Amino acid sequence: MFYIKGQKHWQGLSGVADFWIVAARESKLNGELARDID
């Protein structure tokens, strides 16, 4: 499983869409975030 946390805004269809593609960065063991985006 992937556990994803954050806050997004200005997405069209907020609160309306049935599905979302969500962008996030991997949280590393040292607390930093990876440069790449998934």
All heavy atoms as atom14 arrays in JSON, in Angstrom:
{
  "sequence": "MFYIKGQKHWQGLSGVADFWIVAARESKLNGELARDID",
  "atom14_mask": [
    [1, 1, 1, 1, 1, 1, 1, 1, 0, 0, 0, 0, 0, 0],
    [1, 1, 1, 1, 1, 1, 1, 1, 1, 1, 1, 0, 0, 0],
    [1, 1, 1, 1, 1, 1, 1, 1, 1, 1, 1, 1, 0, 0],
    [1, 1, 1, 1, 1, 1, 1, 1, 0, 0, 0, 0, 0, 0],
    [1, 1, 1, 1, 1, 1, 1, 1, 1, 0, 0, 0, 0, 0],
    [1, 1, 1, 1, 0, 0, 0, 0, 0, 0, 0, 0, 0, 0],
    [1, 1, 1, 1, 1, 1, 1, 1, 1, 0, 0, 0, 0, 0],
    [1, 1, 1, 1, 1, 1, 1, 1, 1, 0, 0, 0, 0, 0],
    [1, 1, 1, 1, 1, 1, 1, 1, 1, 1, 0, 0, 0, 0],
    [1, 1, 1, 1, 1, 1, 1, 1, 1, 1, 1, 1, 1, 1],
    [1, 1, 1, 1, 1, 1, 1, 1, 1, 0, 0, 0, 0, 0],
    [1, 1, 1, 1, 0, 0, 0, 0, 0, 0, 0, 0, 0, 0],
    [1, 1, 1, 1, 1, 1, 1, 1, 0, 0, 0, 0, 0, 0],
    [1, 1, 1, 1, 1, 1, 0, 0, 0, 0, 0, 0, 0, 0],
    [1, 1, 1, 1, 0, 0, 0, 0, 0, 0, 0, 0, 0, 0],
    [1, 1, 1, 1, 1, 1, 1, 0, 0, 0, 0, 0, 0, 0],
    [1, 1, 1, 1, 1, 0, 0, 0, 0, 0, 0, 0, 0, 0],
    [1, 1, 1, 1, 1, 1, 1, 1, 0, 0, 0, 0, 0, 0],
    [1, 1, 1, 1, 1, 1, 1, 1, 1, 1, 1, 0, 0, 0],
    [1, 1, 1, 1, 1, 1, 1, 1, 1, 1, 1, 1, 1, 1],
    [1, 1, 1, 1, 1, 1, 1, 1, 0, 0, 0, 0, 0, 0],
    [1, 1, 1, 1, 1, 1, 1, 0, 0, 0, 0, 0, 0, 0],
    [1, 1, 1, 1, 1, 0, 0, 0, 0, 0, 0, 0, 0, 0],
    [1, 1, 1, 1, 1, 0, 0, 0, 0, 0, 0, 0, 0, 0],
    [1, 1, 1, 1, 1, 1, 1, 1, 1, 1, 1, 0, 0, 0],
    [1, 1, 1, 1, 1, 1, 1, 1, 1, 0, 0, 0, 0, 0],
    [1, 1, 1, 1, 1, 1, 0, 0, 0, 0, 0, 0, 0, 0],
    [1, 1, 1, 1, 1, 1, 1, 1, 1, 0, 0, 0, 0, 0],
    [1, 1, 1, 1, 1, 1, 1, 1, 0, 0, 0, 0, 0, 0],
    [1, 1, 1, 1, 1, 1, 1, 1, 0, 0, 0, 0, 0, 0],
    [1, 1, 1, 1, 0, 0, 0, 0, 0, 0, 0, 0, 0, 0],
    [1, 1, 1, 1, 1, 1, 1, 1, 1, 0, 0, 0, 0, 0],
    [1, 1, 1, 1, 1, 1, 1, 1, 0, 0, 0, 0, 0, 0],
    [1, 1, 1, 1, 1, 0, 0, 0, 0, 0, 0, 0, 0, 0],
    [1, 1, 1, 1, 1, 1, 1, 1, 1, 1, 1, 0, 0, 0],
    [1, 1, 1, 1, 1, 1, 1, 1, 0, 0, 0, 0, 0, 0],
    [1, 1, 1, 1, 1, 1, 1, 1, 0, 0, 0, 0, 0, 0],
    [1, 1, 1, 1, 1, 1, 1, 1, 0, 0, 0, 0, 0, 0]
  ],
  "atom14_positions": [
    [[0.82, -1.21, 0.0], [0.0, 0.0, 0.0], [0.86, 1.26, 0.0], [1.98, 1.28, 0.49], [-0.92, 0.02, 1.23], [-1.75, -1.25, 1.43], [-2.96, -1.54, 0.11], [-4.2, -0.31, 0.53], [0.0, 0.0, 0.0], [0.0, 0.0, 0.0], [0.0, 0.0, 0.0], [0.0, 0.0, 0.0], [0.0, 0.0, 0.0], [0.0, 0.0, 0.0]],
    [[0.29, 2.33, -0.58], [0.94, 3.64, -0.56], [0.09, 4.58, 0.32], [-1.11, 4.72, 0.11], [1.04, 4.22, -1.97], [2.06, 3.53, -2.83], [1.66, 2.58, -3.76], [3.41, 3.82, -2.71], [2.6, 1.94, -4.57], [4.35, 3.2, -3.51], [3.95, 2.25, -4.44], [0.0, 0.0, 0.0], [0.0, 0.0, 0.0], [0.0, 0.0, 0.0]],
    [[0.76, 5.23, 1.28], [0.12, 6.18, 2.17], [0.52, 7.58, 1.73], [1.71, 7.93, 1.74], [0.55, 5.92, 3.63], [0.06, 4.61, 4.18], [0.61, 3.4, 3.77], [-0.99, 4.57, 5.11], [0.15, 2.18, 4.26], [-1.45, 3.36, 5.61], [-0.88, 2.18, 5.18], [-1.34, 0.98, 5.68], [0.0, 0.0, 0.0], [0.0, 0.0, 0.0]],
    [[-0.47, 8.39, 1.35], [-0.2, 9.69, 0.74], [-0.84, 10.8, 1.57], [-2.04, 10.73, 1.89], [-0.75, 9.75, -0.71], [-0.27, 8.53, -1.5], [-0.33, 11.04, -1.4], [-1.01, 8.31, -2.8], [0.0, 0.0, 0.0], [0.0, 0.0, 0.0], [0.0, 0.0, 0.0], [0.0, 0.0, 0.0], [0.0, 0.0, 0.0], [0.0, 0.0, 0.0]],
    [[-0.05, 11.83, 1.9], [-0.56, 12.95, 2.68], [-0.09, 14.27, 2.09], [1.04, 14.38, 1.61], [-0.1, 12.86, 4.15], [-0.81, 11.81, 4.97], [-0.44, 11.94, 6.43], [-1.2, 10.91, 7.28], [-0.92, 11.08, 8.74], [0.0, 0.0, 0.0], [0.0, 0.0, 0.0], [0.0, 0.0, 0.0], [0.0, 0.0, 0.0], [0.0, 0.0, 0.0]],
    [[-0.97, 15.28, 2.15], [-0.6, 16.61, 1.67], [-1.83, 17.46, 1.47], [-2.94, 17.11, 1.9], [0.0, 0.0, 0.0], [0.0, 0.0, 0.0], [0.0, 0.0, 0.0], [0.0, 0.0, 0.0], [0.0, 0.0, 0.0], [0.0, 0.0, 0.0], [0.0, 0.0, 0.0], [0.0, 0.0, 0.0], [0.0, 0.0, 0.0], [0.0, 0.0, 0.0]],
    [[-1.63, 18.58, 0.83], [-2.73, 19.49, 0.55], [-2.59, 20.04, -0.87], [-1.52, 20.46, -1.28], [-2.75, 20.65, 1.55], [-4.0, 21.51, 1.47], [-3.96, 22.68, 2.44], [-3.31, 23.68, 2.16], [-4.62, 22.55, 3.58], [0.0, 0.0, 0.0], [0.0, 0.0, 0.0], [0.0, 0.0, 0.0], [0.0, 0.0, 0.0], [0.0, 0.0, 0.0]],
    [[-3.68, 20.0, -1.64], [-3.68, 20.5, -3.01], [-4.77, 21.57, -3.15], [-5.75, 21.56, -2.4], [-3.97, 19.35, -4.0], [-3.01, 18.16, -3.9], [-1.65, 18.49, -4.46], [-0.76, 17.24, -4.54], [0.57, 17.53, -5.1], [0.0, 0.0, 0.0], [0.0, 0.0, 0.0], [0.0, 0.0, 0.0], [0.0, 0.0, 0.0], [0.0, 0.0, 0.0]],
    [[-4.57, 22.47, -4.13], [-5.63, 23.45, -4.36], [-5.69, 23.86, -5.82], [-4.81, 23.58, -6.62], [-5.44, 24.67, -3.45], [-4.42, 25.67, -3.92], [-4.53, 27.01, -3.68], [-3.27, 25.51, -4.6], [-3.49, 27.65, -4.2], [-2.71, 26.77, -4.76], [0.0, 0.0, 0.0], [0.0, 0.0, 0.0], [0.0, 0.0, 0.0], [0.0, 0.0, 0.0]],
    [[-6.81, 24.5, -6.16], [-7.1, 24.98, -7.51], [-7.23, 23.85, -8.54], [-7.0, 24.05, -9.71], [-6.06, 26.0, -8.0], [-6.35, 27.4, -7.53], [-5.53, 28.16, -6.74], [-7.51, 28.21, -7.79], [-6.11, 29.39, -6.49], [-7.32, 29.45, -7.13], [-8.68, 28.01, -8.52], [-8.27, 30.48, -7.18], [-9.62, 29.03, -8.58], [-9.42, 30.24, -7.92]],
    [[-7.61, 22.67, -8.07], [-7.91, 21.61, -9.02], [-9.35, 21.76, -9.5], [-10.28, 21.81, -8.68], [-7.75, 20.22, -8.39], [-6.32, 19.73, -8.29], [-5.51, 20.46, -7.24], [-5.99, 20.75, -6.18], [-4.25, 20.73, -7.54], [0.0, 0.0, 0.0], [0.0, 0.0, 0.0], [0.0, 0.0, 0.0], [0.0, 0.0, 0.0], [0.0, 0.0, 0.0]],
    [[-9.54, 21.85, -10.82], [-10.89, 21.88, -11.35], [-11.61, 20.58, -11.02], [-11.01, 19.51, -11.04], [0.0, 0.0, 0.0], [0.0, 0.0, 0.0], [0.0, 0.0, 0.0], [0.0, 0.0, 0.0], [0.0, 0.0, 0.0], [0.0, 0.0, 0.0], [0.0, 0.0, 0.0], [0.0, 0.0, 0.0], [0.0, 0.0, 0.0], [0.0, 0.0, 0.0]],
    [[-12.89, 20.68, -10.67], [-13.74, 19.55, -10.25], [-13.47, 19.12, -8.81], [-13.79, 18.0, -8.42], [-13.58, 18.34, -11.2], [-13.86, 18.61, -12.67], [-13.63, 17.34, -13.5], [-15.27, 19.13, -12.87], [0.0, 0.0, 0.0], [0.0, 0.0, 0.0], [0.0, 0.0, 0.0], [0.0, 0.0, 0.0], [0.0, 0.0, 0.0], [0.0, 0.0, 0.0]],
    [[-12.86, 20.03, -8.02], [-12.65, 19.74, -6.6], [-13.99, 19.39, -5.94], [-14.99, 20.08, -6.13], [-12.04, 20.95, -5.89], [-10.71, 21.16, -6.31], [0.0, 0.0, 0.0], [0.0, 0.0, 0.0], [0.0, 0.0, 0.0], [0.0, 0.0, 0.0], [0.0, 0.0, 0.0], [0.0, 0.0, 0.0], [0.0, 0.0, 0.0], [0.0, 0.0, 0.0]],
    [[-13.99, 18.3, -5.18], [-15.21, 17.87, -4.51], [-16.24, 17.24, -5.41], [-17.31, 16.85, -4.95], [0.0, 0.0, 0.0], [0.0, 0.0, 0.0], [0.0, 0.0, 0.0], [0.0, 0.0, 0.0], [0.0, 0.0, 0.0], [0.0, 0.0, 0.0], [0.0, 0.0, 0.0], [0.0, 0.0, 0.0], [0.0, 0.0, 0.0], [0.0, 0.0, 0.0]],
    [[-15.94, 17.14, -6.7], [-16.91, 16.63, -7.67], [-16.41, 15.36, -8.36], [-17.19, 14.41, -8.58], [-17.21, 17.71, -8.74], [-18.15, 17.16, -9.81], [-17.81, 18.95, -8.08], [0.0, 0.0, 0.0], [0.0, 0.0, 0.0], [0.0, 0.0, 0.0], [0.0, 0.0, 0.0], [0.0, 0.0, 0.0], [0.0, 0.0, 0.0], [0.0, 0.0, 0.0]],
    [[-15.13, 15.31, -8.72], [-14.59, 14.19, -9.49], [-14.72, 12.87, -8.75], [-14.61, 12.81, -7.51], [-13.13, 14.46, -9.84], [0.0, 0.0, 0.0], [0.0, 0.0, 0.0], [0.0, 0.0, 0.0], [0.0, 0.0, 0.0], [0.0, 0.0, 0.0], [0.0, 0.0, 0.0], [0.0, 0.0, 0.0], [0.0, 0.0, 0.0], [0.0, 0.0, 0.0]],
    [[-14.95, 11.81, -9.51], [-15.04, 10.47, -8.94], [-13.67, 9.82, -8.78], [-13.48, 8.94, -7.95], [-15.9, 9.58, -9.85], [-17.28, 10.18, -10.1], [-18.13, 10.08, -9.21], [-17.48, 10.77, -11.18], [0.0, 0.0, 0.0], [0.0, 0.0, 0.0], [0.0, 0.0, 0.0], [0.0, 0.0, 0.0], [0.0, 0.0, 0.0], [0.0, 0.0, 0.0]],
    [[-12.73, 10.26, -9.61], [-11.37, 9.72, -9.57], [-10.37, 10.87, -9.67], [-10.65, 11.9, -10.28], [-11.12, 8.75, -10.75], [-11.98, 7.53, -10.73], [-13.19, 7.5, -11.41], [-11.58, 6.38, -10.04], [-13.99, 6.36, -11.41], [-12.38, 5.25, -10.02], [-13.58, 5.23, -10.7], [0.0, 0.0, 0.0], [0.0, 0.0, 0.0], [0.0, 0.0, 0.0]],
    [[-9.21, 10.67, -9.06], [-8.13, 11.65, -9.15], [-6.81, 10.94, -9.45], [-6.6, 9.81, -9.02], [-7.96, 12.42, -7.83], [-9.06, 13.35, -7.51], [-10.09, 13.14, -6.63], [-9.27, 14.66, -8.05], [-10.93, 14.23, -6.6], [-10.44, 15.18, -7.45], [-8.58, 15.44, -8.97], [-10.94, 16.45, -7.75], [-9.07, 16.71, -9.28], [-10.23, 17.2, -8.67]],
    [[-5.95, 11.63, -10.19], [-4.54, 11.26, -10.25], [-3.82, 12.25, -9.36], [-3.9, 13.47, -9.58], [-3.98, 11.3, -11.68], [-4.63, 10.21, -12.54], [-2.47, 11.14, -11.68], [-4.21, 10.24, -14.01], [0.0, 0.0, 0.0], [0.0, 0.0, 0.0], [0.0, 0.0, 0.0], [0.0, 0.0, 0.0], [0.0, 0.0, 0.0], [0.0, 0.0, 0.0]],
    [[-3.14, 11.76, -8.33], [-2.51, 12.61, -7.33], [-0.99, 12.51, -7.45], [-0.43, 11.41, -7.49], [-2.94, 12.21, -5.9], [-2.3, 13.11, -4.86], [-4.46, 12.24, -5.78], [0.0, 0.0, 0.0], [0.0, 0.0, 0.0], [0.0, 0.0, 0.0], [0.0, 0.0, 0.0], [0.0, 0.0, 0.0], [0.0, 0.0, 0.0], [0.0, 0.0, 0.0]],
    [[-0.32, 13.66, -7.49], [1.13, 13.71, -7.56], [1.72, 13.85, -6.16], [1.22, 14.63, -5.34], [1.58, 14.89, -8.43], [0.0, 0.0, 0.0], [0.0, 0.0, 0.0], [0.0, 0.0, 0.0], [0.0, 0.0, 0.0], [0.0, 0.0, 0.0], [0.0, 0.0, 0.0], [0.0, 0.0, 0.0], [0.0, 0.0, 0.0], [0.0, 0.0, 0.0]],
    [[2.79, 13.09, -5.9], [3.43, 13.15, -4.59], [4.89, 12.73, -4.71], [5.29, 12.09, -5.69], [2.7, 12.23, -3.59], [0.0, 0.0, 0.0], [0.0, 0.0, 0.0], [0.0, 0.0, 0.0], [0.0, 0.0, 0.0], [0.0, 0.0, 0.0], [0.0, 0.0, 0.0], [0.0, 0.0, 0.0], [0.0, 0.0, 0.0], [0.0, 0.0, 0.0]],
    [[5.67, 13.11, -3.71], [7.09, 12.75, -3.66], [7.33, 11.76, -2.53], [6.71, 11.86, -1.46], [7.96, 13.99, -3.45], [7.85, 15.0, -4.58], [8.36, 16.37, -4.17], [9.8, 16.35, -3.93], [10.44, 17.31, -3.26], [9.77, 18.35, -2.76], [11.76, 17.23, -3.1], [0.0, 0.0, 0.0], [0.0, 0.0, 0.0], [0.0, 0.0, 0.0]],
    [[8.21, 10.82, -2.75], [8.47, 9.78, -1.74], [9.2, 10.36, -0.54], [10.18, 11.11, -0.67], [9.28, 8.64, -2.34], [9.49, 7.49, -1.36], [10.15, 6.29, -1.99], [10.69, 6.42, -3.12], [10.15, 5.22, -1.36], [0.0, 0.0, 0.0], [0.0, 0.0, 0.0], [0.0, 0.0, 0.0], [0.0, 0.0, 0.0], [0.0, 0.0, 0.0]],
    [[8.72, 10.01, 0.64], [9.36, 10.42, 1.89], [10.47, 9.43, 2.22], [10.23, 8.24, 2.4], [8.33, 10.48, 3.02], [8.95, 10.89, 4.22], [0.0, 0.0, 0.0], [0.0, 0.0, 0.0], [0.0, 0.0, 0.0], [0.0, 0.0, 0.0], [0.0, 0.0, 0.0], [0.0, 0.0, 0.0], [0.0, 0.0, 0.0], [0.0, 0.0, 0.0]],
    [[11.71, 9.93, 2.3], [12.85, 9.06, 2.58], [13.01, 8.84, 4.08], [12.4, 9.52, 4.9], [14.12, 9.68, 2.0], [14.11, 9.82, 0.48], [15.43, 10.42, -0.01], [15.46, 10.52, -1.53], [16.73, 11.13, -2.01], [0.0, 0.0, 0.0], [0.0, 0.0, 0.0], [0.0, 0.0, 0.0], [0.0, 0.0, 0.0], [0.0, 0.0, 0.0]],
    [[13.88, 7.9, 4.43], [14.09, 7.57, 5.84], [14.64, 8.75, 6.63], [14.38, 8.88, 7.83], [15.05, 6.37, 5.95], [14.49, 5.04, 5.43], [15.56, 3.95, 5.5], [13.25, 4.62, 6.2], [0.0, 0.0, 0.0], [0.0, 0.0, 0.0], [0.0, 0.0, 0.0], [0.0, 0.0, 0.0], [0.0, 0.0, 0.0], [0.0, 0.0, 0.0]],
    [[15.42, 9.61, 5.97], [16.01, 10.77, 6.66], [15.04, 11.95, 6.76], [15.41, 13.03, 7.21], [17.3, 11.21, 5.98], [17.09, 11.65, 4.54], [15.95, 11.72, 4.06], [18.18, 11.92, 3.85], [0.0, 0.0, 0.0], [0.0, 0.0, 0.0], [0.0, 0.0, 0.0], [0.0, 0.0, 0.0], [0.0, 0.0, 0.0], [0.0, 0.0, 0.0]],
    [[13.81, 11.75, 6.32], [12.8, 12.8, 6.41], [12.72, 13.71, 5.2], [11.78, 14.5, 5.08], [0.0, 0.0, 0.0], [0.0, 0.0, 0.0], [0.0, 0.0, 0.0], [0.0, 0.0, 0.0], [0.0, 0.0, 0.0], [0.0, 0.0, 0.0], [0.0, 0.0, 0.0], [0.0, 0.0, 0.0], [0.0, 0.0, 0.0], [0.0, 0.0, 0.0]],
    [[13.69, 13.62, 4.31], [13.66, 14.44, 3.11], [12.76, 13.8, 2.05], [12.45, 12.61, 2.12], [15.08, 14.62, 2.56], [16.0, 15.41, 3.49], [17.38, 15.6, 2.88], [17.62, 15.09, 1.77], [18.22, 16.27, 3.53], [0.0, 0.0, 0.0], [0.0, 0.0, 0.0], [0.0, 0.0, 0.0], [0.0, 0.0, 0.0], [0.0, 0.0, 0.0]],
    [[12.37, 14.6, 1.06], [11.53, 14.09, -0.01], [12.37, 13.85, -1.26], [13.28, 14.63, -1.57], [10.41, 15.08, -0.32], [9.42, 15.37, 0.82], [8.35, 16.35, 0.35], [8.78, 14.08, 1.32], [0.0, 0.0, 0.0], [0.0, 0.0, 0.0], [0.0, 0.0, 0.0], [0.0, 0.0, 0.0], [0.0, 0.0, 0.0], [0.0, 0.0, 0.0]],
    [[12.04, 12.79, -1.97], [12.76, 12.46, -3.2], [12.58, 13.57, -4.23], [11.56, 14.28, -4.23], [12.26, 11.13, -3.76], [0.0, 0.0, 0.0], [0.0, 0.0, 0.0], [0.0, 0.0, 0.0], [0.0, 0.0, 0.0], [0.0, 0.0, 0.0], [0.0, 0.0, 0.0], [0.0, 0.0, 0.0], [0.0, 0.0, 0.0], [0.0, 0.0, 0.0]],
    [[13.54, 13.71, -5.12], [13.43, 14.73, -6.17], [12.35, 14.35, -7.18], [11.61, 15.2, -7.66], [14.77, 14.9, -6.88], [14.67, 15.8, -8.11], [16.02, 16.14, -8.7], [15.88, 16.76, -10.02], [15.47, 18.0, -10.24], [15.14, 18.77, -9.22], [15.36, 18.48, -11.47], [0.0, 0.0, 0.0], [0.0, 0.0, 0.0], [0.0, 0.0, 0.0]],
    [[12.23, 13.06, -7.5], [11.28, 12.62, -8.5], [9.85, 12.68, -7.96], [9.63, 12.79, -6.75], [11.62, 11.21, -8.97], [11.03, 10.88, -10.33], [10.66, 11.84, -11.05], [10.94, 9.7, -10.69], [0.0, 0.0, 0.0], [0.0, 0.0, 0.0], [0.0, 0.0, 0.0], [0.0, 0.0, 0.0], [0.0, 0.0, 0.0], [0.0, 0.0, 0.0]],
    [[8.9, 12.63, -8.86], [7.48, 12.7, -8.52], [6.79, 11.43, -9.01], [7.08, 10.94, -10.1], [6.82, 13.93, -9.18], [7.48, 15.21, -8.67], [5.32, 13.98, -8.91], [7.05, 16.45, -9.42], [0.0, 0.0, 0.0], [0.0, 0.0, 0.0], [0.0, 0.0, 0.0], [0.0, 0.0, 0.0], [0.0, 0.0, 0.0], [0.0, 0.0, 0.0]],
    [[5.9, 10.89, -8.19], [5.11, 9.73, -8.61], [3.63, 10.11, -8.63], [3.2, 11.09, -8.0], [5.35, 8.55, -7.67], [6.69, 7.89, -7.93], [6.85, 7.28, -8.99], [7.6, 8.0, -7.07], [0.0, 0.0, 0.0], [0.0, 0.0, 0.0], [0.0, 0.0, 0.0], [0.0, 0.0, 0.0], [0.0, 0.0, 0.0], [0.0, 0.0, 0.0]]
  ]
}
